[in-house]
Amino acid sequence: MPASKVQKVLRQKLQAYASCYEAARTRKPGLRGRFTVRFRIEPAGTVSTVEVRGAGADATFTTCLADIVKSLSFPKPRGGEVDVVYPLDFSEA
């Protein structure tokens, strides 16, 4: 699956990721940095597994991001499942 198609779907939820981040900052002021989202797109275009990693994140923040990604629907990939690693950068505005 072309990276541009994956990125297009992920970018549709930028505001939702930002909402997770703002909520996390109320619990942990100063939270910022790059978080890596690893997930699998299944042959039907659904997301089956999601893992979020990043320094300083709490479980509520990573679960919020993971839940958003799990809810996404991608174009059906050719040739089976696709593993994706996608960075999300957060900083105080």
PDB file of N, CA and C in Angstrom:
ATOM      1  N   MET A   1       0.859  -1.174   0.000  1.00  0.00           N
ATOM      2  CA  MET A   1       0.000   0.000   0.000  1.00  0.00           C
ATOM      3  C   MET A   1       0.906   1.237   0.000  1.00  0.00           C
ATOM      4  N   PRO A   2       0.649   2.170  -0.886  1.00  0.00           N
ATOM      5  CA  PRO A   2       1.467   3.385  -0.921  1.00  0.00           C
ATOM      6  C   PRO A   2       1.359   4.174   0.389  1.00  0.00           C
ATOM      7  N   ALA A   3       2.494   4.695   0.831  1.00  0.00           N
ATOM      8  CA  ALA A   3       2.530   5.474   2.065  1.00  0.00           C
ATOM      9  C   ALA A   3       1.576   6.665   1.999  1.00  0.00           C
ATOM     10  N   SER A   4       1.390   7.224   0.810  1.00  0.00           N
ATOM     11  CA  SER A   4       0.510   8.388   0.680  1.00  0.00           C
ATOM     12  C   SER A   4      -0.932   8.046   1.047  1.00  0.00           C
ATOM     13  N   LYS A   5      -1.378   6.823   0.739  1.00  0.00           N
ATOM     14  CA  LYS A   5      -2.747   6.419   1.094  1.00  0.00           C
ATOM     15  C   LYS A   5      -2.890   6.244   2.601  1.00  0.00           C
ATOM     16  N   VAL A   6      -1.876   5.673   3.230  1.00  0.00           N
ATOM     17  CA  VAL A   6      -1.895   5.493   4.681  1.00  0.00           C
ATOM     18  C   VAL A   6      -1.909   6.860   5.351  1.00  0.00           C
ATOM     19  N   GLN A   7      -1.036   7.735   4.897  1.00  0.00           N
ATOM     20  CA  GLN A   7      -0.936   9.067   5.475  1.00  0.00           C
ATOM     21  C   GLN A   7      -2.237   9.852   5.311  1.00  0.00           C
ATOM     22  N   LYS A   8      -2.875   9.732   4.194  1.00  0.00           N
ATOM     23  CA  LYS A   8      -4.139  10.442   3.954  1.00  0.00           C
ATOM     24  C   LYS A   8      -5.194  10.047   4.984  1.00  0.00           C
ATOM     25  N   VAL A   9      -5.312   8.756   5.248  1.00  0.00           N
ATOM     26  CA  VAL A   9      -6.297   8.290   6.234  1.00  0.00           C
ATOM     27  C   VAL A   9      -5.912   8.770   7.632  1.00  0.00           C
ATOM     28  N   LEU A  10      -4.641   8.642   7.998  1.00  0.00           N
ATOM     29  CA  LEU A  10      -4.192   9.055   9.324  1.00  0.00           C
ATOM     30  C   LEU A  10      -4.395  10.552   9.558  1.00  0.00           C
ATOM     31  N   ARG A  11      -4.165  11.344   8.540  1.00  0.00           N
ATOM     32  CA  ARG A  11      -4.297  12.802   8.689  1.00  0.00           C
ATOM     33  C   ARG A  11      -5.733  13.266   8.877  1.00  0.00           C
ATOM     34  N   GLN A  12      -6.689  12.427   8.543  1.00  0.00           N
ATOM     35  CA  GLN A  12      -8.094  12.789   8.742  1.00  0.00           C
ATOM     36  C   GLN A  12      -8.425  12.945  10.225  1.00  0.00           C
ATOM     37  N   LYS A  13      -7.581  12.404  11.087  1.00  0.00           N
ATOM     38  CA  LYS A  13      -7.853  12.422  12.525  1.00  0.00           C
ATOM     39  C   LYS A  13      -6.886  13.303  13.306  1.00  0.00           C
ATOM     40  N   LEU A  14      -6.238  14.259  12.641  1.00  0.00           N
ATOM     41  CA  LEU A  14      -5.284  15.121  13.333  1.00  0.00           C
ATOM     42  C   LEU A  14      -5.914  15.833  14.531  1.00  0.00           C
ATOM     43  N   GLN A  15      -7.131  16.303  14.384  1.00  0.00           N
ATOM     44  CA  GLN A  15      -7.790  17.003  15.498  1.00  0.00           C
ATOM     45  C   GLN A  15      -8.038  16.058  16.667  1.00  0.00           C
ATOM     46  N   ALA A  16      -8.382  14.817  16.390  1.00  0.00           N
ATOM     47  CA  ALA A  16      -8.599  13.837  17.455  1.00  0.00           C
ATOM     48  C   ALA A  16      -7.306  13.538  18.202  1.00  0.00           C
ATOM     49  N   TYR A  17      -6.177  13.409  17.468  1.00  0.00           N
ATOM     50  CA  TYR A  17      -4.890  13.196  18.135  1.00  0.00           C
ATOM     51  C   TYR A  17      -4.562  14.391  19.024  1.00  0.00           C
ATOM     52  N   ALA A  18      -4.842  15.588  18.511  1.00  0.00           N
ATOM     53  CA  ALA A  18      -4.582  16.800  19.284  1.00  0.00           C
ATOM     54  C   ALA A  18      -5.419  16.835  20.557  1.00  0.00           C
ATOM     55  N   SER A  19      -6.646  16.364  20.487  1.00  0.00           N
ATOM     56  CA  SER A  19      -7.504  16.315  21.681  1.00  0.00           C
ATOM     57  C   SER A  19      -6.927  15.365  22.731  1.00  0.00           C
ATOM     58  N   CYS A  20      -6.412  14.224  22.292  1.00  0.00           N
ATOM     59  CA  CYS A  20      -5.750  13.297  23.227  1.00  0.00           C
ATOM     60  C   CYS A  20      -4.569  13.989  23.899  1.00  0.00           C
ATOM     61  N   TYR A  21      -3.801  14.708  23.106  1.00  0.00           N
ATOM     62  CA  TYR A  21      -2.618  15.391  23.613  1.00  0.00           C
ATOM     63  C   TYR A  21      -2.983  16.477  24.619  1.00  0.00           C
ATOM     64  N   GLU A  22      -3.972  17.280  24.291  1.00  0.00           N
ATOM     65  CA  GLU A  22      -4.371  18.354  25.214  1.00  0.00           C
ATOM     66  C   GLU A  22      -4.864  17.779  26.542  1.00  0.00           C
ATOM     67  N   ALA A  23      -5.620  16.694  26.487  1.00  0.00           N
ATOM     68  CA  ALA A  23      -6.077  16.045  27.721  1.00  0.00           C
ATOM     69  C   ALA A  23      -4.897  15.506  28.512  1.00  0.00           C
ATOM     70  N   ALA A  24      -3.909  14.943  27.827  1.00  0.00           N
ATOM     71  CA  ALA A  24      -2.729  14.399  28.503  1.00  0.00           C
ATOM     72  C   ALA A  24      -1.916  15.510  29.161  1.00  0.00           C
ATOM     73  N   ARG A  25      -1.868  16.666  28.525  1.00  0.00           N
ATOM     74  CA  ARG A  25      -1.107  17.790  29.100  1.00  0.00           C
ATOM     75  C   ARG A  25      -1.727  18.308  30.389  1.00  0.00           C
ATOM     76  N   THR A  26      -3.027  18.114  30.579  1.00  0.00           N
ATOM     77  CA  THR A  26      -3.627  18.535  31.849  1.00  0.00           C
ATOM     78  C   THR A  26      -3.157  17.626  32.978  1.00  0.00           C
ATOM     79  N   ARG A  27      -2.851  16.375  32.643  1.00  0.00           N
ATOM     80  CA  ARG A  27      -2.345  15.431  33.646  1.00  0.00           C
ATOM     81  C   ARG A  27      -0.830  15.526  33.797  1.00  0.00           C
ATOM     82  N   LYS A  28      -0.165  15.865  32.706  1.00  0.00           N
ATOM     83  CA  LYS A  28       1.295  15.885  32.690  1.00  0.00           C
ATOM     84  C   LYS A  28       1.776  17.107  31.906  1.00  0.00           C
ATOM     85  N   PRO A  29       1.782  18.281  32.545  1.00  0.00           N
ATOM     86  CA  PRO A  29       2.242  19.491  31.854  1.00  0.00           C
ATOM     87  C   PRO A  29       3.673  19.288  31.322  1.00  0.00           C
ATOM     88  N   GLY A  30       3.923  19.841  30.176  1.00  0.00           N
ATOM     89  CA  GLY A  30       5.249  19.714  29.586  1.00  0.00           C
ATOM     90  C   GLY A  30       5.428  18.494  28.704  1.00  0.00           C
ATOM     91  N   LEU A  31       4.398  17.675  28.593  1.00  0.00           N
ATOM     92  CA  LEU A  31       4.483  16.501  27.727  1.00  0.00           C
ATOM     93  C   LEU A  31       4.672  16.967  26.291  1.00  0.00           C
ATOM     94  N   ARG A  32       5.681  16.421  25.637  1.00  0.00           N
ATOM     95  CA  ARG A  32       5.920  16.750  24.235  1.00  0.00           C
ATOM     96  C   ARG A  32       6.861  15.721  23.652  1.00  0.00           C
ATOM     97  N   GLY A  33       6.954  15.713  22.345  1.00  0.00           N
ATOM     98  CA  GLY A  33       7.902  14.837  21.685  1.00  0.00           C
ATOM     99  C   GLY A  33       7.278  14.001  20.592  1.00  0.00           C
ATOM    100  N   ARG A  34       8.080  13.054  20.135  1.00  0.00           N
ATOM    101  CA  ARG A  34       7.658  12.160  19.056  1.00  0.00           C
ATOM    102  C   ARG A  34       7.158  10.852  19.649  1.00  0.00           C
ATOM    103  N   PHE A  35       6.001  10.445  19.180  1.00  0.00           N
ATOM    104  CA  PHE A  35       5.409   9.176  19.581  1.00  0.00           C
ATOM    105  C   PHE A  35       5.264   8.333  18.316  1.00  0.00           C
ATOM    106  N   THR A  36       5.592   7.071  18.433  1.00  0.00           N
ATOM    107  CA  THR A  36       5.545   6.171  17.290  1.00  0.00           C
ATOM    108  C   THR A  36       4.338   5.255  17.420  1.00  0.00           C
ATOM    109  N   VAL A  37       3.530   5.236  16.374  1.00  0.00           N
ATOM    110  CA  VAL A  37       2.362   4.375  16.336  1.00  0.00           C
ATOM    111  C   VAL A  37       2.671   3.230  15.366  1.00  0.00           C
ATOM    112  N   ARG A  38       2.622   2.005  15.876  1.00  0.00           N
ATOM    113  CA  ARG A  38       2.820   0.810  15.047  1.00  0.00           C
ATOM    114  C   ARG A  38       1.474   0.097  14.977  1.00  0.00           C
ATOM    115  N   PHE A  39       1.052  -0.235  13.760  1.00  0.00           N
ATOM    116  CA  PHE A  39      -0.232  -0.919  13.636  1.00  0.00           C
ATOM    117  C   PHE A  39      -0.253  -1.794  12.396  1.00  0.00           C
ATOM    118  N   ARG A  40      -1.225  -2.678  12.354  1.00  0.00           N
ATOM    119  CA  ARG A  40      -1.384  -3.605  11.234  1.00  0.00           C
ATOM    120  C   ARG A  40      -2.715  -3.335  10.540  1.00  0.00           C
ATOM    121  N   ILE A  41      -2.646  -3.172   9.230  1.00  0.00           N
ATOM    122  CA  ILE A  41      -3.844  -3.059   8.408  1.00  0.00           C
ATOM    123  C   ILE A  41      -4.134  -4.455   7.859  1.00  0.00           C
ATOM    124  N   GLU A  42      -5.303  -4.949   8.155  1.00  0.00           N
ATOM    125  CA  GLU A  42      -5.715  -6.292   7.728  1.00  0.00           C
ATOM    126  C   GLU A  42      -6.208  -6.259   6.276  1.00  0.00           C
ATOM    127  N   PRO A  43      -6.338  -7.420   5.626  1.00  0.00           N
ATOM    128  CA  PRO A  43      -6.785  -7.468   4.228  1.00  0.00           C
ATOM    129  C   PRO A  43      -8.113  -6.750   3.959  1.00  0.00           C
ATOM    130  N   ALA A  44      -8.974  -6.657   4.953  1.00  0.00           N
ATOM    131  CA  ALA A  44     -10.258  -5.965   4.773  1.00  0.00           C
ATOM    132  C   ALA A  44     -10.134  -4.446   4.929  1.00  0.00           C
ATOM    133  N   GLY A  45      -8.938  -3.953   5.315  1.00  0.00           N
ATOM    134  CA  GLY A  45      -8.732  -2.520   5.502  1.00  0.00           C
ATOM    135  C   GLY A  45      -8.919  -2.063   6.935  1.00  0.00           C
ATOM    136  N   THR A  46      -9.236  -2.993   7.833  1.00  0.00           N
ATOM    137  CA  THR A  46      -9.397  -2.659   9.250  1.00  0.00           C
ATOM    138  C   THR A  46      -8.045  -2.723   9.955  1.00  0.00           C
ATOM    139  N   VAL A  47      -7.979  -2.133  11.139  1.00  0.00           N
ATOM    140  CA  VAL A  47      -6.758  -2.140  11.938  1.00  0.00           C
ATOM    141  C   VAL A  47      -6.922  -3.171  13.042  1.00  0.00           C
ATOM    142  N   SER A  48      -5.934  -4.064  13.155  1.00  0.00           N
ATOM    143  CA  SER A  48      -6.070  -5.139  14.141  1.00  0.00           C
ATOM    144  C   SER A  48      -5.239  -4.900  15.396  1.00  0.00           C
ATOM    145  N   THR A  49      -4.036  -4.443  15.256  1.00  0.00           N
ATOM    146  CA  THR A  49      -3.188  -4.230  16.428  1.00  0.00           C
ATOM    147  C   THR A  49      -2.593  -2.835  16.376  1.00  0.00           C
ATOM    148  N   VAL A  50      -2.480  -2.209  17.544  1.00  0.00           N
ATOM    149  CA  VAL A  50      -1.892  -0.876  17.625  1.00  0.00           C
ATOM    150  C   VAL A  50      -0.999  -0.832  18.852  1.00  0.00           C
ATOM    151  N   GLU A  51       0.182  -0.259  18.676  1.00  0.00           N
ATOM    152  CA  GLU A  51       1.102  -0.036  19.781  1.00  0.00           C
ATOM    153  C   GLU A  51       1.614   1.393  19.667  1.00  0.00           C
ATOM    154  N   VAL A  52       1.567   2.133  20.776  1.00  0.00           N
ATOM    155  CA  VAL A  52       2.052   3.510  20.793  1.00  0.00           C
ATOM    156  C   VAL A  52       3.221   3.586  21.764  1.00  0.00           C
ATOM    157  N   ARG A  53       4.315   4.167  21.303  1.00  0.00           N
ATOM    158  CA  ARG A  53       5.494   4.322  22.152  1.00  0.00           C
ATOM    159  C   ARG A  53       5.975   5.754  22.102  1.00  0.00           C
ATOM    160  N   GLY A  54       6.480   6.201  23.241  1.00  0.00           N
ATOM    161  CA  GLY A  54       7.055   7.529  23.327  1.00  0.00           C
ATOM    162  C   GLY A  54       7.398   7.840  24.760  1.00  0.00           C
ATOM    163  N   ALA A  55       8.417   8.626  24.938  1.00  0.00           N
ATOM    164  CA  ALA A  55       8.893   8.963  26.283  1.00  0.00           C
ATOM    165  C   ALA A  55       7.900   9.853  27.021  1.00  0.00           C
ATOM    166  N   GLY A  56       7.617   9.500  28.254  1.00  0.00           N
ATOM    167  CA  GLY A  56       6.810  10.337  29.119  1.00  0.00           C
ATOM    168  C   GLY A  56       5.313  10.197  28.979  1.00  0.00           C
ATOM    169  N   ALA A  57       4.848   9.344  28.090  1.00  0.00           N
ATOM    170  CA  ALA A  57       3.406   9.210  27.876  1.00  0.00           C
ATOM    171  C   ALA A  57       2.790   8.330  28.951  1.00  0.00           C
ATOM    172  N   ASP A  58       1.581   8.681  29.355  1.00  0.00           N
ATOM    173  CA  ASP A  58       0.862   7.819  30.287  1.00  0.00           C
ATOM    174  C   ASP A  58      -0.071   6.896  29.509  1.00  0.00           C
ATOM    175  N   ALA A  59      -0.593   5.898  30.193  1.00  0.00           N
ATOM    176  CA  ALA A  59      -1.439   4.893  29.543  1.00  0.00           C
ATOM    177  C   ALA A  59      -2.709   5.501  28.964  1.00  0.00           C
ATOM    178  N   THR A  60      -3.249   6.518  29.600  1.00  0.00           N
ATOM    179  CA  THR A  60      -4.471   7.145  29.096  1.00  0.00           C
ATOM    180  C   THR A  60      -4.222   7.798  27.738  1.00  0.00           C
ATOM    181  N   PHE A  61      -3.089   8.471  27.606  1.00  0.00           N
ATOM    182  CA  PHE A  61      -2.730   9.130  26.347  1.00  0.00           C
ATOM    183  C   PHE A  61      -2.495   8.103  25.241  1.00  0.00           C
ATOM    184  N   THR A  62      -1.702   7.083  25.523  1.00  0.00           N
ATOM    185  CA  THR A  62      -1.402   6.088  24.488  1.00  0.00           C
ATOM    186  C   THR A  62      -2.649   5.300  24.108  1.00  0.00           C
ATOM    187  N   THR A  63      -3.514   5.029  25.062  1.00  0.00           N
ATOM    188  CA  THR A  63      -4.765   4.328  24.760  1.00  0.00           C
ATOM    189  C   THR A  63      -5.670   5.198  23.897  1.00  0.00           C
ATOM    190  N   CYS A  64      -5.718   6.476  24.179  1.00  0.00           N
ATOM    191  CA  CYS A  64      -6.523   7.409  23.382  1.00  0.00           C
ATOM    192  C   CYS A  64      -6.061   7.398  21.924  1.00  0.00           C
ATOM    193  N   LEU A  65      -4.751   7.510  21.712  1.00  0.00           N
ATOM    194  CA  LEU A  65      -4.219   7.475  20.348  1.00  0.00           C
ATOM    195  C   LEU A  65      -4.507   6.130  19.682  1.00  0.00           C
ATOM    196  N   ALA A  66      -4.288   5.047  20.415  1.00  0.00           N
ATOM    197  CA  ALA A  66      -4.508   3.707  19.861  1.00  0.00           C
ATOM    198  C   ALA A  66      -5.963   3.505  19.467  1.00  0.00           C
ATOM    199  N   ASP A  67      -6.872   3.979  20.285  1.00  0.00           N
ATOM    200  CA  ASP A  67      -8.303   3.818  19.976  1.00  0.00           C
ATOM    201  C   ASP A  67      -8.688   4.551  18.691  1.00  0.00           C
ATOM    202  N   ILE A  68      -8.093   5.712  18.472  1.00  0.00           N
ATOM    203  CA  ILE A  68      -8.370   6.459  17.241  1.00  0.00           C
ATOM    204  C   ILE A  68      -7.883   5.661  16.032  1.00  0.00           C
ATOM    205  N   VAL A  69      -6.662   5.171  16.113  1.00  0.00           N
ATOM    206  CA  VAL A  69      -6.094   4.415  14.988  1.00  0.00           C
ATOM    207  C   VAL A  69      -6.891   3.134  14.744  1.00  0.00           C
ATOM    208  N   LYS A  70      -7.311   2.463  15.815  1.00  0.00           N
ATOM    209  CA  LYS A  70      -8.106   1.232  15.663  1.00  0.00           C
ATOM    210  C   LYS A  70      -9.426   1.492  14.941  1.00  0.00           C
ATOM    211  N   SER A  71      -9.943   2.694  15.067  1.00  0.00           N
ATOM    212  CA  SER A  71     -11.240   3.013  14.453  1.00  0.00           C
ATOM    213  C   SER A  71     -11.137   3.352  12.970  1.00  0.00           C
ATOM    214  N   LEU A  72      -9.925   3.501  12.452  1.00  0.00           N
ATOM    215  CA  LEU A  72      -9.742   3.903  11.061  1.00  0.00           C
ATOM    216  C   LEU A  72     -10.045   2.777  10.089  1.00  0.00           C
ATOM    217  N   SER A  73     -10.429   3.166   8.895  1.00  0.00           N
ATOM    218  CA  SER A  73     -10.682   2.219   7.823  1.00  0.00           C
ATOM    219  C   SER A  73      -9.815   2.616   6.628  1.00  0.00           C
ATOM    220  N   PHE A  74      -8.975   1.698   6.198  1.00  0.00           N
ATOM    221  CA  PHE A  74      -8.046   1.945   5.107  1.00  0.00           C
ATOM    222  C   PHE A  74      -8.525   1.237   3.843  1.00  0.00           C
ATOM    223  N   PRO A  75      -8.003   1.650   2.687  1.00  0.00           N
ATOM    224  CA  PRO A  75      -8.278   0.888   1.467  1.00  0.00           C
ATOM    225  C   PRO A  75      -7.751  -0.542   1.656  1.00  0.00           C
ATOM    226  N   LYS A  76      -8.384  -1.485   1.029  1.00  0.00           N
ATOM    227  CA  LYS A  76      -7.942  -2.875   1.143  1.00  0.00           C
ATOM    228  C   LYS A  76      -6.557  -3.015   0.507  1.00  0.00           C
ATOM    229  N   PRO A  77      -5.581  -3.475   1.299  1.00  0.00           N
ATOM    230  CA  PRO A  77      -4.236  -3.621   0.726  1.00  0.00           C
ATOM    231  C   PRO A  77      -4.146  -4.834  -0.197  1.00  0.00           C
ATOM    232  N   ARG A  78      -3.340  -4.711  -1.205  1.00  0.00           N
ATOM    233  CA  ARG A  78      -3.093  -5.845  -2.102  1.00  0.00           C
ATOM    234  C   ARG A  78      -2.074  -6.769  -1.446  1.00  0.00           C
ATOM    235  N   GLY A  79      -2.296  -8.052  -1.540  1.00  0.00           N
ATOM    236  CA  GLY A  79      -1.306  -9.003  -1.070  1.00  0.00           C
ATOM    237  C   GLY A  79      -1.358  -9.309   0.412  1.00  0.00           C
ATOM    238  N   GLY A  80      -2.395  -8.900   1.106  1.00  0.00           N
ATOM    239  CA  GLY A  80      -2.508  -9.252   2.521  1.00  0.00           C
ATOM    240  C   GLY A  80      -2.299  -8.078   3.451  1.00  0.00           C
ATOM    241  N   GLU A  81      -1.947  -8.403   4.678  1.00  0.00           N
ATOM    242  CA  GLU A  81      -1.828  -7.378   5.714  1.00  0.00           C
ATOM    243  C   GLU A  81      -0.598  -6.503   5.510  1.00  0.00           C
ATOM    244  N   VAL A  82      -0.664  -5.307   6.109  1.00  0.00           N
ATOM    245  CA  VAL A  82       0.413  -4.332   5.999  1.00  0.00           C
ATOM    246  C   VAL A  82       0.743  -3.834   7.399  1.00  0.00           C
ATOM    247  N   ASP A  83       2.028  -3.864   7.747  1.00  0.00           N
ATOM    248  CA  ASP A  83       2.477  -3.301   9.012  1.00  0.00           C
ATOM    249  C   ASP A  83       2.966  -1.882   8.770  1.00  0.00           C
ATOM    250  N   VAL A  84       2.531  -0.959   9.642  1.00  0.00           N
ATOM    251  CA  VAL A  84       2.831   0.456   9.474  1.00  0.00           C
ATOM    252  C   VAL A  84       3.496   0.987  10.734  1.00  0.00           C
ATOM    253  N   VAL A  85       4.490   1.837  10.551  1.00  0.00           N
ATOM    254  CA  VAL A  85       5.104   2.594  11.643  1.00  0.00           C
ATOM    255  C   VAL A  85       4.946   4.061  11.261  1.00  0.00           C
ATOM    256  N   TYR A  86       4.276   4.827  12.131  1.00  0.00           N
ATOM    257  CA  TYR A  86       3.972   6.220  11.800  1.00  0.00           C
ATOM    258  C   TYR A  86       4.316   7.117  12.987  1.00  0.00           C
ATOM    259  N   PRO A  87       5.093   8.169  12.750  1.00  0.00           N
ATOM    260  CA  PRO A  87       5.436   9.082  13.842  1.00  0.00           C
ATOM    261  C   PRO A  87       4.384  10.176  14.010  1.00  0.00           C
ATOM    262  N   LEU A  88       4.117  10.520  15.251  1.00  0.00           N
ATOM    263  CA  LEU A  88       3.261  11.664  15.572  1.00  0.00           C
ATOM    264  C   LEU A  88       4.076  12.585  16.478  1.00  0.00           C
ATOM    265  N   ASP A  89       4.231  13.822  16.085  1.00  0.00           N
ATOM    266  CA  ASP A  89       4.981  14.790  16.875  1.00  0.00           C
ATOM    267  C   ASP A  89       4.017  15.720  17.596  1.00  0.00           C
ATOM    268  N   PHE A  90       4.263  15.898  18.885  1.00  0.00           N
ATOM    269  CA  PHE A  90       3.420  16.769  19.702  1.00  0.00           C
ATOM    270  C   PHE A  90       4.301  17.799  20.403  1.00  0.00           C
ATOM    271  N   SER A  91       3.837  19.029  20.391  1.00  0.00           N
ATOM    272  CA  SER A  91       4.513  20.084  21.134  1.00  0.00           C
ATOM    273  C   SER A  91       3.487  21.095  21.588  1.00  0.00           C
ATOM    274  N   GLU A  92       3.844  21.825  22.618  1.00  0.00           N
ATOM    275  CA  GLU A  92       2.922  22.835  23.145  1.00  0.00           C
ATOM    276  C   GLU A  92       2.764  23.944  22.133  1.00  0.00           C
ATOM    277  N   ALA A  93       1.543  24.364  21.944  1.00  0.00           N
ATOM    278  CA  ALA A  93       1.277  25.440  20.965  1.00  0.00           C
ATOM    279  C   ALA A  93       1.382  26.790  21.598  1.00  0.00           C
TER     280      ALA A  93
END
